[in-house]
Amino acid sequence: MATLLVLCRFVHFIVVLLMFGACAFRPWLLGNEVQPALDRQLLRITRALAWLGLFSGVAWLLLITASMAGSWDAALQPATVQLVLGKTFFGQVWVWHLLLNLLLVVVLLKPRPALRLPLTALQLATLAPVGHGAMLNGLSGQLLILNQVVHLVCVGAWLGGLLLLVLILRLSPKPALEPILKRFSGVGYGLVAGLLVTGLINVRVLTGQLWPTPLFNGFALILLIKVLLVLGMLALALLNRLRIERCEERVGSLKASVMLEWVLGISAVAAVSLLGTLPPMVMAG
């Protein structure tokens, strides 16, 4: 059950992060100019992700229900599911999360670009309270959830932006790549800064330390793997930034680099999905 929950969290987080990031970066990188081929492809991908998000969101709810009740049969009992939705903090948040996902599926039946970003942003925000942010009460808990929202926005924008870059690099004919890459790189610095600061705040609040100990065990080990993956993404991003001039002449290597950076990001989210099910090694007092 624990393995299925980690897998379900991973799939759902990836889906929501990618939808938000791609919708956020589309107007920033390409403006309001219509790109028929890209927009059709992005709409198809977003539709598929929205449906996958709805299914994985429901699966997450059923797995949580089974875990709380200690029985697989409980996940299929409407009364037990209703109890989780109505009487637990997770359930109360998840009702809104699933409703937003369902609304997004309906909105995507027709191309309505203006509604995609606010809906995906709200759906992303409702992921923040269902992890470690729920461990603290009162103002401290609310501030930790707010910090987690900012963290998720930075992660989602980066990963979804990379997905959009991959789609742009596959276009034929391609738009001018250098200004697009410069815009992405410029925002990327802010995203990395936000990612690092909010991540350090999370660790400090949840563990009472700048870094949890022992270093190579449990929570701390998975966190270390996540950080190394993010540093690998940052190194690739810096390399691409240094080689941005005449990028049209090396589209193949650029595409491979962006794909590798994206895969590292997906792997980091997999680590986060496991982290969310593990208790921090030391709790702040």
Foldseek 3Di string as FASTA:
>chain_A
DLVVLLVLLLLLLVLLLQLQQQLVCPCLLPNPDDDPVLVVVNLVSNLVSLVSNLVSLLVNLLVVLCVVVVHNVRSVDVVSSVCCLPPPPLNVLSVVLNVLSVVLNVCSVDDDSVPRNVSSLVNLLSVLCLFCLVVDDDPSSVVLSVLSSLLSNLLSNLLNVLVSVLSQLPDVPHDDVLSSLVSSLVVNVVSVVSNVVSVQVNQCQFAVDSAAPPCCDDLNVLVVLLVVLVVVLVVLSVVCVVVSPPVVVPSPVVSVSSVSSSVSSSVSSSSVSRNRVTHGPHGRD
